[in-house]
Protein backbone atom coordinates (compact mmCIF):
# COMPACT_ATOMS: atom_id res chain seq x y z
CA MET A 1 11.77 -55.85 46.04
CA ASN A 2 11.33 -57.14 49.58
CA ALA A 3 13.83 -59.64 50.92
CA PHE A 4 12.95 -63.32 50.78
CA THR A 5 14.76 -66.65 50.88
CA ALA A 6 14.34 -69.19 48.10
CA LEU A 7 14.52 -72.75 49.44
CA ILE A 8 14.90 -75.64 46.99
CA PRO A 9 14.03 -79.05 48.50
CA ALA A 10 15.87 -81.79 46.62
CA ARG A 11 16.03 -85.56 47.09
CA LEU A 12 17.60 -88.32 45.04
CA ALA A 13 14.62 -90.64 45.45
CA SER A 14 12.48 -90.57 42.30
CA THR A 15 10.69 -93.61 40.94
CA ARG A 16 10.28 -92.29 37.40
CA LEU A 17 13.67 -90.57 37.06
CA PRO A 18 16.30 -91.78 39.56
CA GLY A 19 18.89 -89.18 40.53
CA LYS A 20 16.73 -86.45 39.00
CA PRO A 21 18.24 -83.39 40.77
CA LEU A 22 21.70 -84.27 39.42
CA ALA A 23 20.60 -84.85 35.81
CA ASP A 24 22.81 -82.91 33.43
CA ILE A 25 21.11 -80.09 31.52
CA GLY A 26 23.44 -78.20 29.24
CA GLY A 27 26.47 -78.87 31.41
CA LEU A 28 24.85 -78.08 34.77
CA PRO A 29 23.02 -80.35 37.24
CA MET A 30 19.29 -79.64 37.19
CA VAL A 31 19.13 -78.49 40.81
CA VAL A 32 21.91 -75.98 40.13
CA ARG A 33 19.98 -74.62 37.15
CA VAL A 34 16.97 -74.18 39.43
CA ALA A 35 19.16 -72.32 41.93
CA HIS A 36 20.36 -69.99 39.18
CA ARG A 37 16.75 -69.25 38.22
CA ALA A 38 15.95 -68.49 41.85
CA ARG A 39 18.89 -66.09 42.06
CA GLU A 40 17.55 -64.23 39.03
CA SER A 41 14.29 -63.64 40.92
CA GLY A 42 16.03 -61.25 43.29
CA ALA A 43 15.94 -63.59 46.29
CA SER A 44 18.21 -62.36 49.05
CA ARG A 45 19.41 -65.93 49.58
CA VAL A 46 19.05 -69.21 47.67
CA VAL A 47 19.53 -72.46 49.59
CA ILE A 48 19.18 -76.09 48.56
CA ALA A 49 17.67 -78.25 51.32
CA THR A 50 18.62 -81.91 50.92
CA ASP A 51 19.19 -85.17 52.74
CA ALA A 52 21.67 -86.42 50.12
CA GLU A 53 25.40 -85.75 50.44
CA GLU A 54 25.77 -86.11 46.65
CA ILE A 55 23.43 -83.15 46.12
CA ALA A 56 25.14 -81.14 48.85
CA ARG A 57 28.54 -81.74 47.26
CA VAL A 58 27.34 -80.61 43.83
CA ALA A 59 25.76 -77.50 45.37
CA ARG A 60 29.03 -76.54 47.05
CA GLU A 61 30.99 -77.17 43.85
CA HIS A 62 28.75 -74.61 42.11
CA ALA A 63 28.83 -72.08 44.97
CA VAL A 64 25.20 -72.63 45.98
CA ASP A 65 24.31 -72.58 49.69
CA VAL A 66 23.04 -75.87 51.05
CA VAL A 67 21.55 -77.12 54.31
CA MET A 68 21.35 -80.78 55.27
CA THR A 69 17.99 -82.09 56.48
CA ARG A 70 16.66 -85.38 57.81
CA ALA A 71 15.77 -88.16 55.38
CA ASP A 72 12.47 -89.11 57.02
CA HIS A 73 10.34 -86.03 56.32
CA PRO A 74 6.83 -86.97 55.13
CA SER A 75 6.63 -83.93 52.82
CA GLY A 76 8.68 -81.20 51.23
CA THR A 77 7.01 -78.64 53.49
CA ASP A 78 8.30 -80.46 56.57
CA ARG A 79 11.78 -80.35 55.02
CA LEU A 80 11.44 -76.58 54.54
CA ALA A 81 10.47 -76.16 58.19
CA GLU A 82 13.67 -77.89 59.31
CA ALA A 83 15.71 -75.81 56.85
CA ALA A 84 14.16 -72.56 58.11
CA ASP A 85 15.16 -73.48 61.66
CA ALA A 86 18.67 -74.40 60.58
CA LEU A 87 19.01 -71.02 58.85
CA ARG A 88 17.60 -69.25 61.94
CA LEU A 89 14.98 -67.39 59.95
CA GLY A 90 12.58 -65.14 61.86
CA ASP A 91 8.86 -65.92 62.06
CA GLU A 92 7.89 -62.98 59.82
CA GLU A 93 10.47 -63.72 57.14
CA ILE A 94 9.29 -65.11 53.82
CA VAL A 95 10.45 -68.32 52.19
CA VAL A 96 9.62 -69.31 48.62
CA ASN A 97 9.55 -73.05 47.92
CA VAL A 98 11.06 -73.56 44.45
CA GLN A 99 10.83 -77.18 43.36
CA GLY A 100 14.16 -78.74 42.39
CA ASP A 101 12.70 -80.20 39.18
CA GLU A 102 11.64 -76.85 37.67
CA PRO A 103 14.71 -75.74 35.68
CA LEU A 104 12.60 -73.44 33.48
CA ILE A 105 10.65 -71.69 36.26
CA PRO A 106 10.33 -67.99 35.37
CA PRO A 107 12.27 -65.87 37.91
CA SER A 108 9.58 -63.19 37.59
CA LEU A 109 6.94 -65.65 38.83
CA ILE A 110 9.04 -66.50 41.91
CA ALA A 111 9.39 -62.80 42.68
CA ALA A 112 5.69 -62.08 42.10
CA VAL A 113 4.52 -64.80 44.50
CA ALA A 114 6.91 -63.54 47.19
CA GLU A 115 5.75 -59.95 46.64
CA LEU A 116 2.10 -61.01 46.89
CA LEU A 117 2.68 -62.51 50.33
CA VAL A 118 4.44 -59.34 51.46
CA GLU A 119 1.37 -57.36 50.41
CA ARG A 120 -1.22 -59.80 51.79
CA THR A 121 -0.59 -59.51 55.51
CA ASP A 122 -3.85 -61.42 56.09
CA CYS A 123 -2.37 -64.56 54.53
CA ALA A 124 0.22 -67.10 55.68
CA ILE A 125 0.86 -68.50 52.20
CA ALA A 126 0.84 -67.26 48.62
CA THR A 127 0.72 -69.36 45.47
CA ALA A 128 -0.21 -68.98 41.78
CA ALA A 129 -2.66 -70.23 39.18
CA HIS A 130 -3.43 -69.66 35.50
CA PRO A 131 -6.59 -69.91 33.36
CA ILE A 132 -7.24 -73.40 32.02
CA GLY A 133 -6.90 -73.59 28.25
CA SER A 134 -8.59 -76.85 27.25
CA MET A 135 -11.40 -79.14 28.33
CA ALA A 136 -8.93 -82.02 28.60
CA GLU A 137 -6.94 -80.03 31.14
CA TYR A 138 -10.12 -79.03 32.99
CA LEU A 139 -11.18 -82.69 33.32
CA ASN A 140 -7.69 -84.09 34.02
CA PRO A 141 -7.31 -85.21 37.67
CA ASN A 142 -3.57 -84.60 37.44
CA ALA A 143 -4.27 -80.91 36.78
CA VAL A 144 -5.07 -79.41 40.18
CA LYS A 145 -7.76 -76.71 40.10
CA VAL A 146 -8.28 -73.88 42.58
CA VAL A 147 -11.26 -71.62 43.25
CA THR A 148 -10.83 -68.30 45.03
CA ASP A 149 -13.02 -65.98 47.07
CA ALA A 150 -13.78 -62.34 46.28
CA ASN A 151 -10.51 -61.30 47.93
CA GLY A 152 -8.31 -63.56 45.82
CA ARG A 153 -7.79 -66.15 48.54
CA ALA A 154 -8.00 -69.88 47.89
CA ALA A 155 -11.37 -71.35 48.85
CA TYR A 156 -10.56 -74.91 47.76
CA PHE A 157 -8.13 -76.97 45.68
CA SER A 158 -9.29 -80.11 43.86
CA ARG A 159 -8.40 -82.63 41.21
CA ALA A 160 -12.05 -82.47 40.11
CA PRO A 161 -13.21 -79.91 37.52
CA ILE A 162 -14.11 -76.95 39.74
CA PRO A 163 -16.05 -74.77 39.52
CA TYR A 164 -18.42 -77.00 37.56
CA ASP A 165 -20.59 -75.22 34.98
CA ARG A 166 -23.51 -77.60 35.53
CA ASP A 167 -26.35 -76.27 33.40
CA HIS A 168 -24.19 -75.01 30.55
CA LEU A 169 -22.20 -78.26 30.25
CA ALA A 170 -25.40 -80.32 30.33
CA ALA A 171 -26.81 -78.28 27.45
CA HIS A 172 -23.50 -77.94 25.57
CA PRO A 173 -21.45 -81.12 26.05
CA GLY A 174 -18.87 -79.93 23.52
CA ALA A 175 -18.17 -76.68 25.40
CA THR A 176 -14.60 -75.55 26.03
CA PRO A 177 -13.20 -73.30 28.79
CA GLN A 178 -13.39 -70.44 26.29
CA ASN A 179 -17.14 -70.76 25.65
CA LEU A 180 -18.59 -71.69 29.01
CA SER A 181 -21.41 -69.66 30.54
CA PRO A 182 -20.98 -65.88 31.02
CA ALA A 183 -20.49 -66.41 34.76
CA MET A 184 -17.66 -68.87 34.14
CA GLN A 185 -16.08 -66.65 31.50
CA ALA A 186 -16.01 -63.81 34.03
CA GLN A 187 -14.20 -66.10 36.50
CA PRO A 188 -12.65 -68.91 34.43
CA PRO A 189 -11.42 -72.21 35.86
CA LEU A 190 -7.89 -71.89 37.22
CA ARG A 191 -5.13 -74.49 37.27
CA HIS A 192 -2.88 -74.36 40.30
CA ILE A 193 0.84 -73.72 39.83
CA GLY A 194 2.88 -75.55 42.48
CA LEU A 195 4.92 -72.56 43.65
CA TYR A 196 4.51 -71.35 47.24
CA ALA A 197 5.66 -68.48 49.42
CA TYR A 198 5.34 -69.02 53.17
CA ARG A 199 5.70 -66.98 56.30
CA VAL A 200 8.23 -68.85 58.42
CA ALA A 201 5.80 -68.90 61.38
CA PHE A 202 3.49 -71.10 59.28
CA LEU A 203 6.35 -73.43 58.33
CA ARG A 204 7.18 -73.88 62.01
CA ALA A 205 3.54 -74.68 62.80
CA TYR A 206 3.00 -77.01 59.85
CA PRO A 207 4.66 -80.23 61.17
CA GLY A 208 2.31 -80.15 64.17
CA LEU A 209 -0.88 -79.80 62.12
CA ALA A 210 -3.09 -82.87 61.83
CA ARG A 211 -3.72 -84.05 58.28
CA SER A 212 -7.17 -83.15 57.00
CA PRO A 213 -9.69 -85.61 55.52
CA TYR A 214 -9.78 -83.58 52.29
CA GLU A 215 -5.99 -83.70 52.03
CA LEU A 216 -6.12 -87.47 52.34
CA SER A 217 -8.88 -87.94 49.77
CA GLU A 218 -7.52 -85.47 47.21
CA SER A 219 -3.84 -86.16 47.97
CA LEU A 220 -3.23 -82.40 48.08
CA GLU A 221 -1.01 -81.17 50.90
CA GLN A 222 -2.19 -77.53 50.69
CA LEU A 223 -5.65 -78.56 51.89
CA ARG A 224 -4.17 -79.10 55.36
CA ALA A 225 -3.48 -75.37 55.63
CA LEU A 226 -7.04 -74.46 54.59
CA TRP A 227 -8.52 -77.05 56.97
CA HIS A 228 -6.72 -75.40 59.89
CA GLY A 229 -7.80 -71.88 58.93
CA TYR A 230 -4.66 -70.54 57.25
CA ARG A 231 -5.32 -68.20 54.34
CA ILE A 232 -3.67 -68.66 50.95
CA ALA A 233 -3.39 -65.71 48.53
CA VAL A 234 -3.54 -66.71 44.86
CA LEU A 235 -1.65 -64.84 42.14
CA ARG A 236 -3.34 -65.11 38.76
CA ALA A 237 -0.70 -65.61 36.06
CA GLU A 238 -1.68 -65.00 32.46
CA GLN A 239 -0.22 -68.30 31.26
CA ALA A 240 1.27 -71.54 32.50
CA PRO A 241 4.99 -71.66 33.25
CA PRO A 242 7.06 -74.27 31.36
CA ALA A 243 6.47 -77.78 32.69
CA GLY A 244 8.89 -79.35 35.14
CA VAL A 245 10.80 -82.62 34.88
CA ASP A 246 9.19 -85.86 36.09
CA THR A 247 10.15 -88.40 33.40
CA PRO A 248 13.01 -89.14 30.98
CA GLU A 249 10.84 -87.66 28.23
CA ASP A 250 10.50 -84.41 30.21
CA LEU A 251 14.25 -84.30 30.67
CA ALA A 252 14.82 -84.71 26.93
CA ARG A 253 12.34 -81.90 26.25
CA VAL A 254 14.07 -79.48 28.63
CA ARG A 255 17.51 -80.37 27.27
CA ALA A 256 16.28 -79.62 23.76
CA MET A 257 14.83 -76.26 24.85
CA LEU A 258 18.08 -75.20 26.50
């Protein structure tokens, strides 16, 4: 396993679940559970990046490294860039962004995305996706889809159902992802998994990149990287990881599972 740093951006601001990173799950704050998952991935270092002293205090109480960042970052990626500078990481080092609301994230998936970026020296970023299992998911704008090129690099991310099986769906309106055309079955629709590995050089460049028109229309931050010519390697996972925590109902579900 190649060395990589797992960074966990965490903020207290959440409209649907205030104080989310500190929510108790089986006796541990959620962000600490995420850090434990990241440690199990084999990361050489796990660090929480936060602008909230309450989160920093909890991290220290549970022996998790923490770095304080500004409160005015427009995105989590900008926060990671500041954290990478604070940790004095080299440009060629690899950082994996593990979301602080993913207490069930499989450690093996974290490790696999980091390993993919090590292998894909032509790419600045690596991420993951899994085959879509239902037509409802395929058509859902909250389920982000990704299409790749022949080399397994992201060609585009969208909230729209891409690729669109035009002729087959017109002739078979009740089709499902499992019985689309032969071409689509050979390369099925993929749902993006929001887990990223970055080369630190990209993180340092990111805050200076202009936002792209596609990023603005789709509200998908990763489209900025594609717009500016950065390549994104996509790991194909066999199945979706457990869902994260966005609402009180999600929190109840995770507590019951653990």
